[in-house]
Amino acid sequence: MKRLHKIKRGIALPVTIVIIWEILSLNIGNSFILPGWELIVPVLIHPMDSLFGGASLFENGVISLERVLIGFLLATVIAVPLGLLSGWSERVDEYFNPLIQILRPVPPIAWMPLAIAWFKIGFGSLIFIIFIGSFFPVLISTVEGVHNVRIRWLEVAESLGATTKEKFVTVIIPGALPFIWTGFRLAFGVGWMCLVAAEMLPGTSAGLGYLIMYAYNLGQIQVIVAGMIVIGIIGIVSDYLFRCGQTRFFDWQGKE
């Protein structure tokens, strides 16, 4: 019963927005400004149909998701080891932290001109933007994870005669994992937003961002809204999976 009430509360606001949207659409009477759900829903329930003679909504979504996964994985492969070393070694942190703090506030999309210059328009530049967007959340979370490993865990390891390497492998890495996982969750969300924005730039030929801009140029606002809904759904599902992983693997966090 409690779960049912939670679901009801969760869908109450979206349902209200849908109703208000439809009322406003009927009153405005202009599908270019605010299309009704009778135009949006057919696009959503036929995701495999070709749009504008090209890829379908589903195919564009898959293309975007593949790009995000590649950029995200590349970022984690580099950010996690660097974060572990920076968090563990004060000397390493002194070398990298100033540069990280300079680059971290720069919006990923601001890197787009350089990305195009380095990797040309297309796949390479998109992956680079996703990489930049995903890299810093994972890096910062990893460093914080190392810093938040409980001192008494290290003291116990030392009392048992653990070497530096053994402490790093058996205490530091497992202790930092909950923070690293949170970094993954944040990074994937940021990478997803960066990708969709980057796909809207000229030169892209596929993906949800591209589909939205192409639909705008053709005045097909219902496709734009459908694309935005798919973006939101993928974001919700990915975040849910990360939260499930947090509960499944790191339920011990915070327990004595």
Protein backbone atom coordinates (compact mmCIF):
# COMPACT_ATOMS: atom_id res chain seq x y z
CA MET A 1 0.00 0.00 0.00
CA LYS A 2 2.82 2.37 0.86
CA ARG A 3 4.46 1.68 -2.50
CA LEU A 4 1.15 2.35 -4.29
CA HIS A 5 0.82 5.73 -2.57
CA LYS A 6 4.41 6.54 -3.54
CA ILE A 7 3.65 5.73 -7.20
CA LYS A 8 0.51 7.88 -7.10
CA ARG A 9 2.44 10.82 -5.72
CA GLY A 10 5.14 10.32 -8.35
CA ILE A 11 2.74 10.45 -11.30
CA ALA A 12 0.43 13.14 -9.93
CA LEU A 13 2.45 16.10 -11.21
CA PRO A 14 3.24 14.64 -14.68
CA VAL A 15 -0.46 13.81 -15.20
CA THR A 16 -1.41 17.32 -14.12
CA ILE A 17 1.08 18.82 -16.59
CA VAL A 18 -0.29 16.63 -19.40
CA ILE A 19 -3.85 17.80 -18.68
CA ILE A 20 -2.84 21.47 -18.48
CA TRP A 21 -0.79 21.06 -21.69
CA GLU A 22 -3.81 19.66 -23.54
CA ILE A 23 -6.12 22.41 -22.28
CA LEU A 24 -3.66 25.11 -23.34
CA SER A 25 -3.16 23.40 -26.71
CA LEU A 26 -6.90 23.40 -27.39
CA ASN A 27 -7.17 27.06 -26.43
CA ILE A 28 -4.14 28.20 -28.43
CA GLY A 29 -5.13 26.21 -31.49
CA ASN A 30 -1.67 26.39 -33.05
CA SER A 31 0.28 23.13 -33.27
CA PHE A 32 3.50 25.00 -34.09
CA ILE A 33 3.38 26.70 -30.68
CA LEU A 34 1.92 23.88 -28.58
CA PRO A 35 0.94 20.64 -30.31
CA GLY A 36 -1.77 18.52 -28.72
CA TRP A 37 -1.15 15.03 -27.41
CA GLU A 38 -3.13 13.62 -30.32
CA LEU A 39 -0.13 14.63 -32.47
CA ILE A 40 2.62 13.69 -30.00
CA VAL A 41 1.38 10.28 -28.90
CA PRO A 42 1.40 8.69 -32.40
CA VAL A 43 5.09 9.54 -32.71
CA LEU A 44 5.80 7.92 -29.35
CA ILE A 45 3.78 4.74 -29.91
CA HIS A 46 5.38 4.15 -33.32
CA PRO A 47 9.08 4.62 -32.43
CA MET A 48 10.22 2.29 -35.22
CA ASP A 49 8.64 4.33 -38.01
CA SER A 50 10.97 6.31 -40.23
CA LEU A 51 10.90 10.05 -39.59
CA PHE A 52 11.36 12.47 -42.49
CA GLY A 53 12.62 9.62 -44.65
CA GLY A 54 15.51 8.84 -42.31
CA ALA A 55 16.16 7.04 -39.03
CA SER A 56 13.30 6.34 -36.63
CA LEU A 57 12.90 7.75 -33.13
CA PHE A 58 14.18 4.45 -31.72
CA GLU A 59 17.22 4.35 -34.01
CA ASN A 60 18.18 7.92 -33.17
CA GLY A 61 17.84 7.10 -29.47
CA VAL A 62 20.10 4.06 -29.83
CA ILE A 63 22.71 6.12 -31.67
CA SER A 64 22.72 8.76 -28.93
CA LEU A 65 22.91 6.14 -26.19
CA GLU A 66 25.85 4.39 -27.87
CA ARG A 67 27.74 7.68 -28.08
CA VAL A 68 27.12 8.45 -24.42
CA LEU A 69 28.25 5.00 -23.31
CA ILE A 70 31.50 5.25 -25.27
CA GLY A 71 32.36 8.73 -23.98
CA PHE A 72 31.30 7.81 -20.45
CA LEU A 73 33.40 4.62 -20.39
CA LEU A 74 36.46 6.45 -21.72
CA ALA A 75 36.06 9.08 -19.02
CA THR A 76 35.75 6.52 -16.22
CA VAL A 77 38.77 4.54 -17.41
CA ILE A 78 40.94 7.65 -17.01
CA ALA A 79 39.18 9.49 -14.17
CA VAL A 80 38.98 6.62 -11.67
CA PRO A 81 42.72 5.73 -11.57
CA LEU A 82 43.68 9.42 -11.56
CA GLY A 83 41.17 10.13 -8.77
CA LEU A 84 42.44 7.22 -6.68
CA LEU A 85 46.04 8.40 -7.05
CA SER A 86 45.18 12.04 -6.36
CA GLY A 87 43.16 11.13 -3.30
CA TRP A 88 45.84 8.77 -1.96
CA SER A 89 48.98 10.77 -2.76
CA GLU A 90 49.27 14.38 -1.68
CA ARG A 91 52.13 14.89 -4.12
CA VAL A 92 50.08 13.68 -7.11
CA ASP A 93 47.22 15.91 -5.97
CA GLU A 94 49.54 18.94 -5.83
CA TYR A 95 50.43 18.37 -9.48
CA PHE A 96 46.94 17.77 -10.87
CA ASN A 97 44.54 19.68 -8.61
CA PRO A 98 45.34 23.24 -9.83
CA LEU A 99 44.78 22.25 -13.48
CA ILE A 100 41.62 20.33 -12.60
CA GLN A 101 40.18 23.30 -10.71
CA ILE A 102 40.88 25.57 -13.69
CA LEU A 103 39.27 23.28 -16.26
CA ARG A 104 36.37 21.92 -14.20
CA PRO A 105 34.15 25.05 -14.33
CA VAL A 106 34.41 25.30 -18.13
CA PRO A 107 31.08 24.11 -19.66
CA PRO A 108 31.60 21.05 -21.88
CA ILE A 109 29.88 22.75 -24.83
CA ALA A 110 32.49 25.54 -24.65
CA TRP A 111 34.99 22.90 -25.80
CA MET A 112 33.05 22.32 -29.02
CA PRO A 113 35.13 24.64 -31.27
CA LEU A 114 38.32 22.93 -30.11
CA ALA A 115 36.69 19.51 -30.44
CA ILE A 116 35.80 20.26 -34.06
CA ALA A 117 39.29 21.60 -34.75
CA TRP A 118 40.93 18.52 -33.25
CA PHE A 119 38.53 15.75 -34.26
CA LYS A 120 36.53 17.35 -37.10
CA ILE A 121 32.73 17.43 -37.17
CA GLY A 122 31.14 14.12 -36.31
CA PHE A 123 31.72 11.13 -34.06
CA GLY A 124 35.10 12.12 -32.61
CA SER A 125 34.08 15.60 -31.50
CA LEU A 126 30.84 14.29 -29.95
CA ILE A 127 32.71 11.62 -27.97
CA PHE A 128 35.18 14.25 -26.77
CA ILE A 129 32.38 16.50 -25.47
CA ILE A 130 30.79 13.57 -23.62
CA PHE A 131 34.21 12.64 -22.25
CA ILE A 132 34.75 16.15 -20.89
CA GLY A 133 31.27 16.26 -19.36
CA SER A 134 31.66 12.85 -17.68
CA PHE A 135 35.29 13.11 -16.62
CA PHE A 136 35.14 15.68 -13.83
CA PRO A 137 32.17 14.27 -11.85
CA VAL A 138 33.86 10.86 -11.72
CA LEU A 139 37.26 12.35 -10.87
CA ILE A 140 36.00 14.59 -8.05
CA SER A 141 33.80 11.84 -6.58
CA THR A 142 36.71 9.39 -6.63
CA VAL A 143 39.02 11.82 -4.84
CA GLU A 144 36.34 12.51 -2.24
CA GLY A 145 35.77 8.78 -1.85
CA VAL A 146 39.44 8.21 -0.99
CA HIS A 147 39.45 11.13 1.45
CA ASN A 148 36.37 9.75 3.20
CA VAL A 149 37.71 6.25 3.82
CA ARG A 150 37.47 5.67 7.57
CA ILE A 151 40.71 6.10 9.42
CA ARG A 152 40.06 3.16 11.68
CA TRP A 153 39.86 0.85 8.65
CA LEU A 154 43.40 1.89 7.74
CA GLU A 155 44.51 1.51 11.34
CA VAL A 156 43.15 -2.03 11.45
CA ALA A 157 44.96 -2.85 8.20
CA GLU A 158 48.19 -1.42 9.58
CA SER A 159 47.82 -3.38 12.80
CA LEU A 160 47.54 -6.53 10.70
CA GLY A 161 50.78 -5.68 8.94
CA ALA A 162 49.31 -4.65 5.58
CA THR A 163 51.70 -3.07 3.11
CA THR A 164 50.92 0.20 1.32
CA LYS A 165 49.82 -1.71 -1.76
CA GLU A 166 47.61 -4.02 0.31
CA LYS A 167 45.98 -1.08 2.09
CA PHE A 168 45.31 0.59 -1.25
CA VAL A 169 43.77 -2.52 -2.79
CA THR A 170 41.85 -3.89 0.21
CA VAL A 171 40.83 -0.70 2.03
CA ILE A 172 41.07 2.44 -0.10
CA ILE A 173 39.48 1.16 -3.31
CA PRO A 174 36.55 -0.72 -1.64
CA GLY A 175 35.98 2.19 0.76
CA ALA A 176 35.86 4.71 -2.08
CA LEU A 177 33.58 2.66 -4.33
CA PRO A 178 30.25 4.13 -3.06
CA PHE A 179 31.50 7.63 -3.90
CA ILE A 180 32.84 6.46 -7.26
CA TRP A 181 29.46 4.93 -8.08
CA THR A 182 27.75 8.22 -7.23
CA GLY A 183 30.22 9.89 -9.57
CA PHE A 184 29.20 7.45 -12.30
CA ARG A 185 25.56 8.34 -11.77
CA LEU A 186 26.24 12.08 -11.98
CA ALA A 187 28.64 11.71 -14.91
CA PHE A 188 26.24 9.72 -17.04
CA GLY A 189 23.54 12.36 -16.56
CA VAL A 190 25.92 15.18 -17.46
CA GLY A 191 27.27 13.26 -20.45
CA TRP A 192 23.74 12.63 -21.68
CA MET A 193 22.86 16.32 -21.52
CA CYS A 194 26.12 17.29 -23.24
CA LEU A 195 25.53 14.84 -26.06
CA VAL A 196 22.02 16.03 -26.88
CA ALA A 197 23.21 19.64 -26.92
CA ALA A 198 26.22 18.76 -29.10
CA GLU A 199 24.05 16.80 -31.54
CA MET A 200 22.07 19.97 -32.21
CA LEU A 201 25.10 21.69 -33.69
CA PRO A 202 25.62 21.80 -37.48
CA GLY A 203 27.33 18.81 -39.05
CA THR A 204 25.62 16.07 -37.03
CA SER A 205 23.55 13.61 -39.05
CA ALA A 206 21.93 11.38 -36.43
CA GLY A 207 20.90 11.22 -32.79
CA LEU A 208 18.09 12.66 -30.72
CA GLY A 209 19.60 16.16 -30.64
CA TYR A 210 19.92 16.13 -34.41
CA LEU A 211 16.35 14.85 -34.77
CA ILE A 212 15.01 17.67 -32.59
CA MET A 213 16.79 20.37 -34.60
CA TYR A 214 15.81 18.80 -37.93
CA ALA A 215 12.19 18.60 -36.81
CA TYR A 216 12.32 22.26 -35.77
CA ASN A 217 13.56 23.28 -39.22
CA LEU A 218 10.58 21.43 -40.72
CA GLY A 219 8.11 22.86 -38.22
CA GLN A 220 7.31 19.41 -36.77
CA ILE A 221 6.98 20.43 -33.13
CA GLN A 222 5.27 17.18 -32.14
CA VAL A 223 8.47 15.30 -33.09
CA ILE A 224 10.48 17.73 -30.98
CA VAL A 225 8.31 17.06 -27.94
CA ALA A 226 8.41 13.31 -28.57
CA GLY A 227 12.21 13.47 -28.78
CA MET A 228 12.37 15.43 -25.52
CA ILE A 229 10.18 12.83 -23.82
CA VAL A 230 12.44 10.01 -25.02
CA ILE A 231 15.47 11.91 -23.72
CA GLY A 232 13.76 12.22 -20.35
CA ILE A 233 12.75 8.54 -20.28
CA ILE A 234 16.30 7.37 -21.03
CA GLY A 235 17.58 9.70 -18.33
CA ILE A 236 15.09 8.37 -15.77
CA VAL A 237 15.82 4.73 -16.61
CA SER A 238 19.59 5.19 -16.43
CA ASP A 239 19.35 7.02 -13.11
CA TYR A 240 17.07 4.29 -11.76
CA LEU A 241 19.59 1.62 -12.74
CA PHE A 242 22.39 3.49 -11.01
CA ARG A 243 20.26 3.88 -7.88
CA CYS A 244 19.45 0.16 -7.94
CA GLY A 245 23.16 -0.56 -8.17
CA GLN A 246 23.81 1.75 -5.23
CA THR A 247 21.26 -0.12 -3.13
CA ARG A 248 22.38 -3.55 -4.30
CA PHE A 249 26.14 -3.20 -3.92
CA PHE A 250 26.66 -0.46 -1.36
CA ASP A 251 23.88 -1.03 1.14
CA TRP A 252 26.56 -1.30 3.82
CA GLN A 253 27.52 2.38 3.43
CA GLY A 254 26.85 4.36 6.57
CA LYS A 255 26.55 1.26 8.74
CA GLU A 256 28.95 0.63 11.58
